[in-house]
Structures are given as C-alpha cells and as structure tokens.
Amino acid sequence: MIIQLLLLIVGFIILIKGADIFVDGASSAASNFKVPKILIGLTIIAFGTSAPEFAVSVKSIISNNHEIVFGNVIGSNILNILLILGISSFFHPLSVKNNTIKKELPFTLLLTTLFVVLISDNIFDKSILNAFTRSDGIILCLFFLIFIYYLTVLALRNNDSIEDTKIKTMSLFKSILFIIIGVFMIVFGSNFVVNSASNIAQSLGVSKKLISLTIIALGTSLPELVTSLVATRKGEFDLVIGNVIGSNIFNLGIVIGVPVAIFGGTELINFNYVDLSVMLISTILLFAFSFNDRKINRREGLIFLILFVIYYSYVIVSG
C-alpha cells in the first residue's frame, strides 16, 4: 500500500514535469519554424496544462479503466471551480472581464450542459444505462474546434496578446529532444498514476470512481491550482478565471472527447446524477456570480468551498 502511494506520487511528479518539458520543447520548435506566438499559446501551451489529464484518460481507456477517465474529468472540473476559485477568491476578489462573461463563460456552460445531456441516456430511455459513445466524443471535439476558432480570431484582433505569449527559445535539436523526453515522461507518468490508483482502490476495497474523483483529479489539477494561486498573489486576477475556464473546456473537449472519439465509449455504471449535477451546478454558479457584479467575491468563494466540502464528504462516504 505504501509502495503504491509512493509510485502514485512519483507518477504525478513525472507527469507534470513531463508536460512542462514537452510544452517548452514544442513551443520552441514551433517558434523556430516561425509559427505565430498566439497560435502556439492557444494550442501547445494551452494543451500543456491539460496534458496530465489527457495522458491519464488515454491510458485509462486503453487499460479498460473507464471509471478513471470520467472521474478524472468530472472531478477536475469540479475542483477547478469549487476548490481553485474558492481558495483564490477567498484571498482576494477575482475580477471577470466583460468578454469572458458574454462569450467564454456561456460557452463553458453550454459545453458542460452538452456533456451532461450526452451522458444521461437513461433520462430519455429508461431501458438503457448511461453511456458515453464515440459519436458523443466527436460532438464534443467539434464544439471544442469552434471554441479554438473563436479564440484565434479574438486573439489575432488583439496584437498585445501575441506579444504577451512568452516562449522559451532553444535550438531545434534541443527542442526536439525536449519533445521526446516530455512525451516519454507523460506516458511513463500516466502509467504509474493509473496502475497505482487501480491498485490502491483494490487494496482499500473502494471504487476506482472514488480514487479518480479525489486523488487523481486533485493530482492532475495541480498545475491549474499552482498557476491560479501564483496569479492571485501577483494580482493577475483575470488569469485565474481564464485558467479555470480554459482548463474545463479542454477537459471536456480534448481530455475526454478525443480519447473516446478514437478508442470508443463505455457505459457509466458507477457514476450518478449527483456527480454530474454538482459539475453543472458549479458551472452555473460561476456564470451567475460573474454575471452579477463582474467578480467572484469572498462570500461567493466561501460558497464554492462549502459546496466542495459537502460534495466530497458525499463522495467519500458513498465510496
């Protein structure tokens, strides 16, 4: 048991560090080929923060650990809003840009609602179990492409955002070497995380759903948590909201959409409407709080944290 916990921690460290190395290498390589900075920022760098979740999802589907796939995404999206924004806004109110309220937050709510509807087959037909199919994954991917198109058009209109994208420049050989090392570490780390999590669940006699909603979701959300806390400390409050929104959209569109579209879907026996409802309610509250006064204040952050405690108390007890 102790060995499996250590392997899990080592897996997370390798996974997150591998994602950093991959992003540095891929960004530098793209820069060497004169790819515009904003496109690098919207693709490689943005994907980098979701690389741990993506690697875990692919490994989980390949190894037939489907509970880990959905627990990872559902748990990460809940954690991003309730825990990360809860903690950040409790330290300082978070301002939300007008454009974020009008376009990005509604898109996040739309994609989250779409995911819940696609997965809730039993509501429409009581004779079947809830499942997430390959066609469902393709639909999420298509919506994600629309979001990327919107971001690209928006960013190209704002020259400042192009200059603000910071890229570590290296030689082409070193960039390719970093890419190879980063990919190897991501794959290697994801193997550690999924295998160790499965073994821990088996040893404790609990479901993989519980492990994925708690340990794995928190572990793969560490980059977003660290980024948000650092941004809050520096007073860059817009980045905190943007980081969470971007991460949640990537989780639904890429982390779960792409692997399912490629490898096929699965029935969701152990997930219920409480998990899906909390993810959707969290997103609705984020939109409502932001729309109300263009900020997430301490009182609203406290509400997020209380909901976080209530939900995870339920998860642990039911698990």
C-alpha atoms as a PDB file:
ATOM      1  CA  MET A   1       0.000   0.000   0.000  1.00  0.00           C
ATOM      2  CA  ILE A   2       2.776   2.449   0.969  1.00  0.00           C
ATOM      3  CA  ILE A   3       4.709   1.492  -2.153  1.00  0.00           C
ATOM      4  CA  GLN A   4       1.655   2.141  -4.344  1.00  0.00           C
ATOM      5  CA  LEU A   5       1.164   5.585  -2.766  1.00  0.00           C
ATOM      6  CA  LEU A   6       4.811   6.433  -3.405  1.00  0.00           C
ATOM      7  CA  LEU A   7       4.506   5.236  -7.005  1.00  0.00           C
ATOM      8  CA  LEU A   8       1.395   7.394  -7.404  1.00  0.00           C
ATOM      9  CA  ILE A   9       3.222  10.477  -6.124  1.00  0.00           C
ATOM     10  CA  VAL A  10       6.221   9.735  -8.345  1.00  0.00           C
ATOM     11  CA  GLY A  11       3.821   9.279 -11.272  1.00  0.00           C
ATOM     12  CA  PHE A  12       2.264  12.703 -10.690  1.00  0.00           C
ATOM     13  CA  ILE A  13       5.692  14.364 -10.450  1.00  0.00           C
ATOM     14  CA  ILE A  14       6.906  12.717 -13.676  1.00  0.00           C
ATOM     15  CA  LEU A  15       3.600  13.501 -15.414  1.00  0.00           C
ATOM     16  CA  ILE A  16       3.500  17.195 -14.526  1.00  0.00           C
ATOM     17  CA  LYS A  17       7.217  17.777 -15.121  1.00  0.00           C
ATOM     18  CA  GLY A  18       6.969  15.904 -18.417  1.00  0.00           C
ATOM     19  CA  ALA A  19       4.142  18.214 -19.512  1.00  0.00           C
ATOM     20  CA  ASP A  20       6.324  21.259 -18.717  1.00  0.00           C
ATOM     21  CA  ILE A  21       9.268  19.859 -20.697  1.00  0.00           C
ATOM     22  CA  PHE A  22       7.011  18.946 -23.629  1.00  0.00           C
ATOM     23  CA  VAL A  23       5.480  22.448 -23.721  1.00  0.00           C
ATOM     24  CA  ASP A  24       8.929  24.109 -23.659  1.00  0.00           C
ATOM     25  CA  GLY A  25      10.218  21.885 -26.444  1.00  0.00           C
ATOM     26  CA  ALA A  26       7.122  22.061 -28.653  1.00  0.00           C
ATOM     27  CA  SER A  27       6.770  25.833 -28.205  1.00  0.00           C
ATOM     28  CA  SER A  28      10.426  26.410 -29.044  1.00  0.00           C
ATOM     29  CA  ALA A  29      10.256  24.117 -32.084  1.00  0.00           C
ATOM     30  CA  ALA A  30       7.160  25.919 -33.367  1.00  0.00           C
ATOM     31  CA  SER A  31       8.901  29.253 -32.792  1.00  0.00           C
ATOM     32  CA  ASN A  32      11.892  28.042 -34.823  1.00  0.00           C
ATOM     33  CA  PHE A  33       9.508  27.344 -37.711  1.00  0.00           C
ATOM     34  CA  LYS A  34       8.115  30.901 -37.385  1.00  0.00           C
ATOM     35  CA  VAL A  35       4.690  29.807 -36.150  1.00  0.00           C
ATOM     36  CA  PRO A  36       2.864  32.882 -34.724  1.00  0.00           C
ATOM     37  CA  LYS A  37       3.173  33.134 -30.965  1.00  0.00           C
ATOM     38  CA  ILE A  38      -0.549  33.357 -30.417  1.00  0.00           C
ATOM     39  CA  LEU A  39      -1.172  30.057 -32.199  1.00  0.00           C
ATOM     40  CA  ILE A  40       1.498  28.468 -30.023  1.00  0.00           C
ATOM     41  CA  GLY A  41      -0.194  29.878 -26.937  1.00  0.00           C
ATOM     42  CA  LEU A  42      -3.644  28.706 -27.975  1.00  0.00           C
ATOM     43  CA  THR A  43      -2.559  25.193 -28.877  1.00  0.00           C
ATOM     44  CA  ILE A  44       0.696  23.888 -27.402  1.00  0.00           C
ATOM     45  CA  ILE A  45       0.844  25.919 -24.184  1.00  0.00           C
ATOM     46  CA  ALA A  46      -2.890  25.636 -23.517  1.00  0.00           C
ATOM     47  CA  PHE A  47      -2.788  21.900 -24.143  1.00  0.00           C
ATOM     48  CA  GLY A  48       0.216  21.552 -21.848  1.00  0.00           C
ATOM     49  CA  THR A  49      -1.772  22.305 -18.691  1.00  0.00           C
ATOM     50  CA  SER A  50      -4.266  19.594 -19.666  1.00  0.00           C
ATOM     51  CA  ALA A  51      -1.615  17.080 -20.783  1.00  0.00           C
ATOM     52  CA  PRO A  52      -1.625  15.224 -17.425  1.00  0.00           C
ATOM     53  CA  GLU A  53      -5.402  14.695 -17.581  1.00  0.00           C
ATOM     54  CA  PHE A  54      -5.208  13.728 -21.265  1.00  0.00           C
ATOM     55  CA  ALA A  55      -2.436  11.173 -20.697  1.00  0.00           C
ATOM     56  CA  VAL A  56      -4.316   9.624 -17.778  1.00  0.00           C
ATOM     57  CA  SER A  57      -7.502   9.430 -19.884  1.00  0.00           C
ATOM     58  CA  VAL A  58      -5.792   7.707 -22.820  1.00  0.00           C
ATOM     59  CA  LYS A  59      -4.018   5.226 -20.552  1.00  0.00           C
ATOM     60  CA  SER A  60      -7.248   4.544 -18.651  1.00  0.00           C
ATOM     61  CA  ILE A  61      -9.280   3.843 -21.786  1.00  0.00           C
ATOM     62  CA  ILE A  62      -6.574   1.602 -23.252  1.00  0.00           C
ATOM     63  CA  SER A  63      -6.356  -0.365 -19.981  1.00  0.00           C
ATOM     64  CA  ASN A  64     -10.168  -0.518 -19.697  1.00  0.00           C
ATOM     65  CA  ASN A  65     -10.274   1.638 -16.546  1.00  0.00           C
ATOM     66  CA  HIS A  66     -13.170   3.769 -17.768  1.00  0.00           C
ATOM     67  CA  GLU A  67     -14.159   4.924 -14.286  1.00  0.00           C
ATOM     68  CA  ILE A  68     -10.822   6.710 -14.009  1.00  0.00           C
ATOM     69  CA  VAL A  69     -11.406   8.556 -17.307  1.00  0.00           C
ATOM     70  CA  PHE A  70     -14.702  10.108 -16.267  1.00  0.00           C
ATOM     71  CA  GLY A  71     -13.789  10.544 -12.615  1.00  0.00           C
ATOM     72  CA  ASN A  72     -10.667  12.421 -13.696  1.00  0.00           C
ATOM     73  CA  VAL A  73     -12.584  14.866 -15.912  1.00  0.00           C
ATOM     74  CA  ILE A  74     -15.660  15.331 -13.704  1.00  0.00           C
ATOM     75  CA  GLY A  75     -13.501  15.648 -10.585  1.00  0.00           C
ATOM     76  CA  SER A  76     -11.042  18.072 -12.219  1.00  0.00           C
ATOM     77  CA  ASN A  77     -13.809  20.368 -13.475  1.00  0.00           C
ATOM     78  CA  ILE A  78     -15.466  20.410 -10.052  1.00  0.00           C
ATOM     79  CA  LEU A  79     -12.144  21.004  -8.302  1.00  0.00           C
ATOM     80  CA  ASN A  80     -11.211  23.802 -10.708  1.00  0.00           C
ATOM     81  CA  ILE A  81     -14.311  25.798  -9.808  1.00  0.00           C
ATOM     82  CA  LEU A  82     -15.124  24.895  -6.218  1.00  0.00           C
ATOM     83  CA  LEU A  83     -11.606  24.489  -4.826  1.00  0.00           C
ATOM     84  CA  ILE A  84      -9.296  26.590  -7.013  1.00  0.00           C
ATOM     85  CA  LEU A  85     -11.643  29.558  -7.496  1.00  0.00           C
ATOM     86  CA  GLY A  86     -12.924  29.123  -3.945  1.00  0.00           C
ATOM     87  CA  ILE A  87      -9.451  29.427  -2.437  1.00  0.00           C
ATOM     88  CA  SER A  88      -8.299  32.161  -4.845  1.00  0.00           C
ATOM     89  CA  SER A  89     -11.365  34.376  -4.373  1.00  0.00           C
ATOM     90  CA  PHE A  90     -11.263  33.852  -0.608  1.00  0.00           C
ATOM     91  CA  PHE A  91      -7.825  35.506  -0.594  1.00  0.00           C
ATOM     92  CA  HIS A  92      -8.866  38.289  -2.973  1.00  0.00           C
ATOM     93  CA  PRO A  93     -11.995  39.051  -5.067  1.00  0.00           C
ATOM     94  CA  LEU A  94     -11.465  37.938  -8.664  1.00  0.00           C
ATOM     95  CA  SER A  95     -12.491  40.369 -11.404  1.00  0.00           C
ATOM     96  CA  VAL A  96     -14.027  38.906 -14.563  1.00  0.00           C
ATOM     97  CA  LYS A  97     -13.682  40.550 -17.978  1.00  0.00           C
ATOM     98  CA  ASN A  98     -16.831  41.546 -19.830  1.00  0.00           C
ATOM     99  CA  ASN A  99     -15.882  39.422 -22.841  1.00  0.00           C
ATOM    100  CA  THR A 100     -15.442  36.405 -20.570  1.00  0.00           C
ATOM    101  CA  ILE A 101     -18.945  36.850 -19.170  1.00  0.00           C
ATOM    102  CA  LYS A 102     -20.558  37.336 -22.580  1.00  0.00           C
ATOM    103  CA  LYS A 103     -18.766  34.595 -24.547  1.00  0.00           C
ATOM    104  CA  GLU A 104     -16.349  32.268 -22.747  1.00  0.00           C
ATOM    105  CA  LEU A 105     -18.422  31.518 -19.645  1.00  0.00           C
ATOM    106  CA  PRO A 106     -21.599  30.848 -21.690  1.00  0.00           C
ATOM    107  CA  PHE A 107     -19.579  28.504 -23.911  1.00  0.00           C
ATOM    108  CA  THR A 108     -18.257  26.695 -20.826  1.00  0.00           C
ATOM    109  CA  LEU A 109     -21.819  26.327 -19.550  1.00  0.00           C
ATOM    110  CA  LEU A 110     -23.001  25.137 -22.974  1.00  0.00           C
ATOM    111  CA  LEU A 111     -20.246  22.509 -23.266  1.00  0.00           C
ATOM    112  CA  THR A 112     -20.813  21.288 -19.696  1.00  0.00           C
ATOM    113  CA  THR A 113     -24.574  21.034 -20.270  1.00  0.00           C
ATOM    114  CA  LEU A 114     -23.961  19.229 -23.563  1.00  0.00           C
ATOM    115  CA  PHE A 115     -21.691  16.710 -21.829  1.00  0.00           C
ATOM    116  CA  VAL A 116     -24.298  16.044 -19.119  1.00  0.00           C
ATOM    117  CA  VAL A 117     -27.066  15.600 -21.719  1.00  0.00           C
ATOM    118  CA  LEU A 118     -24.950  13.296 -23.912  1.00  0.00           C
ATOM    119  CA  ILE A 119     -24.080  11.121 -20.948  1.00  0.00           C
ATOM    120  CA  SER A 120     -27.620  10.974 -19.490  1.00  0.00           C
ATOM    121  CA  ASP A 121     -29.166   8.397 -21.834  1.00  0.00           C
ATOM    122  CA  ASN A 122     -31.282   6.866 -19.074  1.00  0.00           C
ATOM    123  CA  ILE A 123     -33.339  10.042 -18.756  1.00  0.00           C
ATOM    124  CA  PHE A 124     -34.552   9.668 -22.339  1.00  0.00           C
ATOM    125  CA  ASP A 125     -34.797   5.871 -22.356  1.00  0.00           C
ATOM    126  CA  LYS A 126     -35.274   4.065 -19.027  1.00  0.00           C
ATOM    127  CA  SER A 127     -34.376   0.700 -20.571  1.00  0.00           C
ATOM    128  CA  ILE A 128     -30.710   1.603 -21.173  1.00  0.00           C
ATOM    129  CA  LEU A 129     -27.748   2.537 -18.995  1.00  0.00           C
ATOM    130  CA  ASN A 130     -25.982   5.874 -19.169  1.00  0.00           C
ATOM    131  CA  ALA A 131     -23.135   5.694 -21.675  1.00  0.00           C
ATOM    132  CA  PHE A 132     -20.711   7.965 -23.482  1.00  0.00           C
ATOM    133  CA  THR A 133     -20.207   6.802 -27.057  1.00  0.00           C
ATOM    134  CA  ARG A 134     -17.732   7.551 -29.841  1.00  0.00           C
ATOM    135  CA  SER A 135     -20.273   9.842 -31.529  1.00  0.00           C
ATOM    136  CA  ASP A 136     -20.657  11.747 -28.236  1.00  0.00           C
ATOM    137  CA  GLY A 137     -16.893  12.233 -28.144  1.00  0.00           C
ATOM    138  CA  ILE A 138     -16.856  13.500 -31.728  1.00  0.00           C
ATOM    139  CA  ILE A 139     -19.592  16.034 -30.907  1.00  0.00           C
ATOM    140  CA  LEU A 140     -17.527  17.425 -28.013  1.00  0.00           C
ATOM    141  CA  CYS A 141     -14.454  17.624 -30.273  1.00  0.00           C
ATOM    142  CA  LEU A 142     -16.403  19.611 -32.885  1.00  0.00           C
ATOM    143  CA  PHE A 143     -17.635  22.087 -30.285  1.00  0.00           C
ATOM    144  CA  PHE A 144     -14.075  22.407 -28.999  1.00  0.00           C
ATOM    145  CA  LEU A 145     -12.837  23.265 -32.509  1.00  0.00           C
ATOM    146  CA  ILE A 146     -15.428  26.056 -32.634  1.00  0.00           C
ATOM    147  CA  PHE A 147     -14.020  27.413 -29.370  1.00  0.00           C
ATOM    148  CA  ILE A 148     -10.437  27.295 -30.712  1.00  0.00           C
ATOM    149  CA  TYR A 149     -11.575  29.159 -33.844  1.00  0.00           C
ATOM    150  CA  TYR A 150     -13.226  31.823 -31.667  1.00  0.00           C
ATOM    151  CA  LEU A 151     -10.086  32.225 -29.542  1.00  0.00           C
ATOM    152  CA  THR A 152      -7.852  32.502 -32.617  1.00  0.00           C
ATOM    153  CA  VAL A 153      -9.999  35.197 -34.209  1.00  0.00           C
ATOM    154  CA  LEU A 154     -10.250  37.074 -30.913  1.00  0.00           C
ATOM    155  CA  ALA A 155      -6.506  36.895 -30.251  1.00  0.00           C
ATOM    156  CA  LEU A 156      -5.474  37.953 -33.748  1.00  0.00           C
ATOM    157  CA  ARG A 157      -7.564  41.095 -33.296  1.00  0.00           C
ATOM    158  CA  ASN A 158      -5.577  41.906 -30.158  1.00  0.00           C
ATOM    159  CA  ASN A 159      -1.913  42.334 -31.021  1.00  0.00           C
ATOM    160  CA  ASP A 160      -0.982  42.670 -27.338  1.00  0.00           C
ATOM    161  CA  SER A 161      -1.918  39.073 -26.615  1.00  0.00           C
ATOM    162  CA  ILE A 162       0.509  37.944 -29.292  1.00  0.00           C
ATOM    163  CA  GLU A 163       3.412  39.762 -27.706  1.00  0.00           C
ATOM    164  CA  ASP A 164       2.446  38.635 -24.200  1.00  0.00           C
ATOM    165  CA  THR A 165       2.901  34.954 -25.051  1.00  0.00           C
ATOM    166  CA  LYS A 166       6.278  34.070 -23.522  1.00  0.00           C
ATOM    167  CA  ILE A 167       8.201  31.254 -25.198  1.00  0.00           C
ATOM    168  CA  LYS A 168      11.490  29.714 -24.133  1.00  0.00           C
ATOM    169  CA  THR A 169      13.709  29.662 -27.234  1.00  0.00           C
ATOM    170  CA  MET A 170      16.122  26.759 -27.809  1.00  0.00           C
ATOM    171  CA  SER A 171      17.928  25.231 -30.771  1.00  0.00           C
ATOM    172  CA  LEU A 172      15.836  22.973 -32.998  1.00  0.00           C
ATOM    173  CA  PHE A 173      17.783  19.873 -31.898  1.00  0.00           C
ATOM    174  CA  LYS A 174      17.284  20.687 -28.217  1.00  0.00           C
ATOM    175  CA  SER A 175      13.604  21.469 -28.849  1.00  0.00           C
ATOM    176  CA  ILE A 176      13.035  18.059 -30.468  1.00  0.00           C
ATOM    177  CA  LEU A 177      14.943  16.385 -27.640  1.00  0.00           C
ATOM    178  CA  PHE A 178      12.699  18.130 -25.099  1.00  0.00           C
ATOM    179  CA  ILE A 179       9.596  16.992 -27.005  1.00  0.00           C
ATOM    180  CA  ILE A 180      10.765  13.360 -26.984  1.00  0.00           C
ATOM    181  CA  ILE A 181      11.713  13.452 -23.298  1.00  0.00           C
ATOM    182  CA  GLY A 182       8.451  15.214 -22.395  1.00  0.00           C
ATOM    183  CA  VAL A 183       6.273  12.704 -24.257  1.00  0.00           C
ATOM    184  CA  PHE A 184       8.175   9.793 -22.699  1.00  0.00           C
ATOM    185  CA  MET A 185       7.710  11.242 -19.204  1.00  0.00           C
ATOM    186  CA  ILE A 186       3.994  11.932 -19.796  1.00  0.00           C
ATOM    187  CA  VAL A 187       3.386   8.356 -20.973  1.00  0.00           C
ATOM    188  CA  PHE A 188       5.565   6.870 -18.233  1.00  0.00           C
ATOM    189  CA  GLY A 189       3.963   9.028 -15.527  1.00  0.00           C
ATOM    190  CA  SER A 190       0.420   8.242 -16.669  1.00  0.00           C
ATOM    191  CA  ASN A 191       1.186   4.511 -16.459  1.00  0.00           C
ATOM    192  CA  PHE A 192       2.338   4.976 -12.861  1.00  0.00           C
ATOM    193  CA  VAL A 193      -0.723   7.042 -11.931  1.00  0.00           C
ATOM    194  CA  VAL A 194      -3.377   4.765 -13.455  1.00  0.00           C
ATOM    195  CA  ASN A 195      -1.790   1.488 -12.333  1.00  0.00           C
ATOM    196  CA  SER A 196      -1.085   2.731  -8.810  1.00  0.00           C
ATOM    197  CA  ALA A 197      -4.564   4.239  -8.450  1.00  0.00           C
ATOM    198  CA  SER A 198      -6.159   0.965  -9.542  1.00  0.00           C
ATOM    199  CA  ASN A 199      -4.042  -0.986  -7.060  1.00  0.00           C
ATOM    200  CA  ILE A 200      -4.823   1.434  -4.228  1.00  0.00           C
ATOM    201  CA  ALA A 201      -8.558   1.187  -4.932  1.00  0.00           C
ATOM    202  CA  GLN A 202      -8.320  -2.599  -4.896  1.00  0.00           C
ATOM    203  CA  SER A 203      -6.272  -2.631  -1.667  1.00  0.00           C
ATOM    204  CA  LEU A 204      -8.677  -0.298   0.147  1.00  0.00           C
ATOM    205  CA  GLY A 205     -11.742  -2.058  -1.207  1.00  0.00           C
ATOM    206  CA  VAL A 206     -13.117   1.190  -2.652  1.00  0.00           C
ATOM    207  CA  SER A 207     -14.248   2.032  -6.178  1.00  0.00           C
ATOM    208  CA  LYS A 208     -11.946   3.430  -8.837  1.00  0.00           C
ATOM    209  CA  LYS A 209     -14.512   6.201  -9.122  1.00  0.00           C
ATOM    210  CA  LEU A 210     -13.660   7.392  -5.614  1.00  0.00           C
ATOM    211  CA  ILE A 211      -9.912   7.334  -6.290  1.00  0.00           C
ATOM    212  CA  SER A 212     -10.324   9.136  -9.626  1.00  0.00           C
ATOM    213  CA  LEU A 213     -12.649  11.829  -8.246  1.00  0.00           C
ATOM    214  CA  THR A 214     -10.298  12.563  -5.362  1.00  0.00           C
ATOM    215  CA  ILE A 215      -6.609  11.639  -5.663  1.00  0.00           C
ATOM    216  CA  ILE A 216      -6.271  11.577  -9.462  1.00  0.00           C
ATOM    217  CA  ALA A 217      -8.455  14.651 -10.071  1.00  0.00           C
ATOM    218  CA  LEU A 218      -6.518  16.640  -7.467  1.00  0.00           C
ATOM    219  CA  GLY A 219      -3.147  15.407  -8.710  1.00  0.00           C
ATOM    220  CA  THR A 220      -3.808  16.250 -12.359  1.00  0.00           C
ATOM    221  CA  SER A 221      -5.284  19.638 -11.347  1.00  0.00           C
ATOM    222  CA  LEU A 222      -2.102  20.686  -9.532  1.00  0.00           C
ATOM    223  CA  PRO A 223      -0.800  22.763 -12.498  1.00  0.00           C
ATOM    224  CA  GLU A 224      -4.040  24.773 -12.566  1.00  0.00           C
ATOM    225  CA  LEU A 225      -4.030  25.149  -8.763  1.00  0.00           C
ATOM    226  CA  VAL A 226      -0.429  26.388  -8.642  1.00  0.00           C
ATOM    227  CA  THR A 227      -0.942  28.718 -11.628  1.00  0.00           C
ATOM    228  CA  SER A 228      -4.088  30.220 -10.093  1.00  0.00           C
ATOM    229  CA  LEU A 229      -2.572  30.783  -6.646  1.00  0.00           C
ATOM    230  CA  VAL A 230       0.540  32.401  -8.144  1.00  0.00           C
ATOM    231  CA  ALA A 231      -1.621  34.625 -10.384  1.00  0.00           C
ATOM    232  CA  THR A 232      -3.751  35.651  -7.374  1.00  0.00           C
ATOM    233  CA  ARG A 233      -0.650  36.523  -5.357  1.00  0.00           C
ATOM    234  CA  LYS A 234       0.636  38.661  -8.256  1.00  0.00           C
ATOM    235  CA  GLY A 235      -2.718  40.409  -8.658  1.00  0.00           C
ATOM    236  CA  GLU A 236      -3.369  38.931 -12.114  1.00  0.00           C
ATOM    237  CA  PHE A 237      -6.955  38.020 -11.285  1.00  0.00           C
ATOM    238  CA  ASP A 238      -8.136  37.753 -14.897  1.00  0.00           C
ATOM    239  CA  LEU A 239      -5.698  34.905 -15.422  1.00  0.00           C
ATOM    240  CA  VAL A 240      -7.253  32.888 -12.597  1.00  0.00           C
ATOM    241  CA  ILE A 241     -10.717  32.855 -14.190  1.00  0.00           C
ATOM    242  CA  GLY A 242      -9.267  32.300 -17.658  1.00  0.00           C
ATOM    243  CA  ASN A 243      -7.121  29.433 -16.412  1.00  0.00           C
ATOM    244  CA  VAL A 244     -10.116  27.615 -14.911  1.00  0.00           C
ATOM    245  CA  ILE A 245     -12.430  28.236 -17.874  1.00  0.00           C
ATOM    246  CA  GLY A 246      -9.783  27.124 -20.370  1.00  0.00           C
ATOM    247  CA  SER A 247      -8.936  24.033 -18.344  1.00  0.00           C
ATOM    248  CA  ASN A 248     -12.589  22.953 -18.018  1.00  0.00           C
ATOM    249  CA  ILE A 249     -13.198  23.400 -21.746  1.00  0.00           C
ATOM    250  CA  PHE A 250     -10.022  21.455 -22.600  1.00  0.00           C
ATOM    251  CA  ASN A 251     -11.037  18.702 -20.175  1.00  0.00           C
ATOM    252  CA  LEU A 252     -14.380  18.188 -21.911  1.00  0.00           C
ATOM    253  CA  GLY A 253     -13.263  18.787 -25.481  1.00  0.00           C
ATOM    254  CA  ILE A 254      -9.830  17.151 -25.517  1.00  0.00           C
ATOM    255  CA  VAL A 255      -9.243  15.103 -22.362  1.00  0.00           C
ATOM    256  CA  ILE A 256     -12.454  13.111 -22.714  1.00  0.00           C
ATOM    257  CA  GLY A 257     -13.649  13.977 -26.229  1.00  0.00           C
ATOM    258  CA  VAL A 258     -10.565  12.888 -28.191  1.00  0.00           C
ATOM    259  CA  PRO A 259      -9.795   9.553 -26.435  1.00  0.00           C
ATOM    260  CA  VAL A 260     -13.438   8.456 -26.600  1.00  0.00           C
ATOM    261  CA  ALA A 261     -13.716   9.523 -30.248  1.00  0.00           C
ATOM    262  CA  ILE A 262     -10.631   7.431 -31.074  1.00  0.00           C
ATOM    263  CA  PHE A 263     -10.980   4.388 -28.833  1.00  0.00           C
ATOM    264  CA  GLY A 264     -14.759   4.248 -28.335  1.00  0.00           C
ATOM    265  CA  GLY A 265     -17.020   4.893 -25.356  1.00  0.00           C
ATOM    266  CA  THR A 266     -18.296   2.987 -22.370  1.00  0.00           C
ATOM    267  CA  GLU A 267     -21.254   2.571 -20.044  1.00  0.00           C
ATOM    268  CA  LEU A 268     -21.131   4.576 -16.817  1.00  0.00           C
ATOM    269  CA  ILE A 269     -22.367   2.190 -14.188  1.00  0.00           C
ATOM    270  CA  ASN A 270     -20.872   3.805 -11.085  1.00  0.00           C
ATOM    271  CA  PHE A 271     -21.475   7.475 -11.884  1.00  0.00           C
ATOM    272  CA  ASN A 272     -24.772   9.014 -10.892  1.00  0.00           C
ATOM    273  CA  TYR A 273     -26.609  12.262 -11.376  1.00  0.00           C
ATOM    274  CA  VAL A 274     -25.173  13.722  -8.170  1.00  0.00           C
ATOM    275  CA  ASP A 275     -21.687  13.861  -9.719  1.00  0.00           C
ATOM    276  CA  LEU A 276     -22.962  15.310 -12.993  1.00  0.00           C
ATOM    277  CA  SER A 277     -25.300  17.747 -11.191  1.00  0.00           C
ATOM    278  CA  VAL A 278     -22.501  19.121  -8.999  1.00  0.00           C
ATOM    279  CA  MET A 279     -20.327  19.731 -12.077  1.00  0.00           C
ATOM    280  CA  LEU A 280     -23.185  21.507 -13.853  1.00  0.00           C
ATOM    281  CA  ILE A 281     -24.316  23.472 -10.772  1.00  0.00           C
ATOM    282  CA  SER A 282     -20.725  24.603 -10.147  1.00  0.00           C
ATOM    283  CA  THR A 283     -20.547  25.972 -13.699  1.00  0.00           C
ATOM    284  CA  ILE A 284     -23.931  27.673 -13.385  1.00  0.00           C
ATOM    285  CA  LEU A 285     -22.875  29.316 -10.106  1.00  0.00           C
ATOM    286  CA  LEU A 286     -19.621  30.512 -11.685  1.00  0.00           C
ATOM    287  CA  PHE A 287     -21.595  32.127 -14.500  1.00  0.00           C
ATOM    288  CA  ALA A 288     -24.212  33.611 -12.125  1.00  0.00           C
ATOM    289  CA  PHE A 289     -21.661  35.040  -9.683  1.00  0.00           C
ATOM    290  CA  SER A 290     -19.598  36.532 -12.524  1.00  0.00           C
ATOM    291  CA  PHE A 291     -22.631  37.982 -14.305  1.00  0.00           C
ATOM    292  CA  ASN A 292     -23.952  39.563 -11.088  1.00  0.00           C
ATOM    293  CA  ASP A 293     -21.178  42.084 -10.431  1.00  0.00           C
ATOM    294  CA  ARG A 294     -18.308  41.161 -12.778  1.00  0.00           C
ATOM    295  CA  LYS A 295     -16.351  39.496  -9.973  1.00  0.00           C
ATOM    296  CA  ILE A 296     -16.124  36.499  -7.663  1.00  0.00           C
ATOM    297  CA  ASN A 297     -16.004  37.895  -4.123  1.00  0.00           C
ATOM    298  CA  ARG A 298     -15.022  36.273  -0.825  1.00  0.00           C
ATOM    299  CA  ARG A 299     -18.602  35.364   0.109  1.00  0.00           C
ATOM    300  CA  GLU A 300     -19.069  33.586  -3.211  1.00  0.00           C
ATOM    301  CA  GLY A 301     -15.690  31.914  -2.803  1.00  0.00           C
ATOM    302  CA  LEU A 302     -16.830  30.644   0.586  1.00  0.00           C
ATOM    303  CA  ILE A 303     -19.962  29.199  -1.048  1.00  0.00           C
ATOM    304  CA  PHE A 304     -17.719  27.350  -3.517  1.00  0.00           C
ATOM    305  CA  LEU A 305     -15.630  25.920  -0.676  1.00  0.00           C
ATOM    306  CA  ILE A 306     -18.702  24.851   1.342  1.00  0.00           C
ATOM    307  CA  LEU A 307     -20.097  23.045  -1.722  1.00  0.00           C
ATOM    308  CA  PHE A 308     -16.691  21.438  -2.225  1.00  0.00           C
ATOM    309  CA  VAL A 309     -16.695  20.073   1.336  1.00  0.00           C
ATOM    310  CA  ILE A 310     -20.318  18.865   1.088  1.00  0.00           C
ATOM    311  CA  TYR A 311     -19.802  17.106  -2.243  1.00  0.00           C
ATOM    312  CA  TYR A 312     -16.540  15.412  -1.317  1.00  0.00           C
ATOM    313  CA  SER A 313     -17.956  14.330   2.008  1.00  0.00           C
ATOM    314  CA  TYR A 314     -20.689  12.618  -0.005  1.00  0.00           C
ATOM    315  CA  VAL A 315     -18.136  11.085  -2.406  1.00  0.00           C
ATOM    316  CA  ILE A 316     -16.015   9.677   0.419  1.00  0.00           C
ATOM    317  CA  VAL A 317     -18.983   8.313   2.392  1.00  0.00           C
ATOM    318  CA  SER A 318     -20.673   6.768  -0.660  1.00  0.00           C
ATOM    319  CA  GLY A 319     -17.357   5.434  -1.956  1.00  0.00           C
END
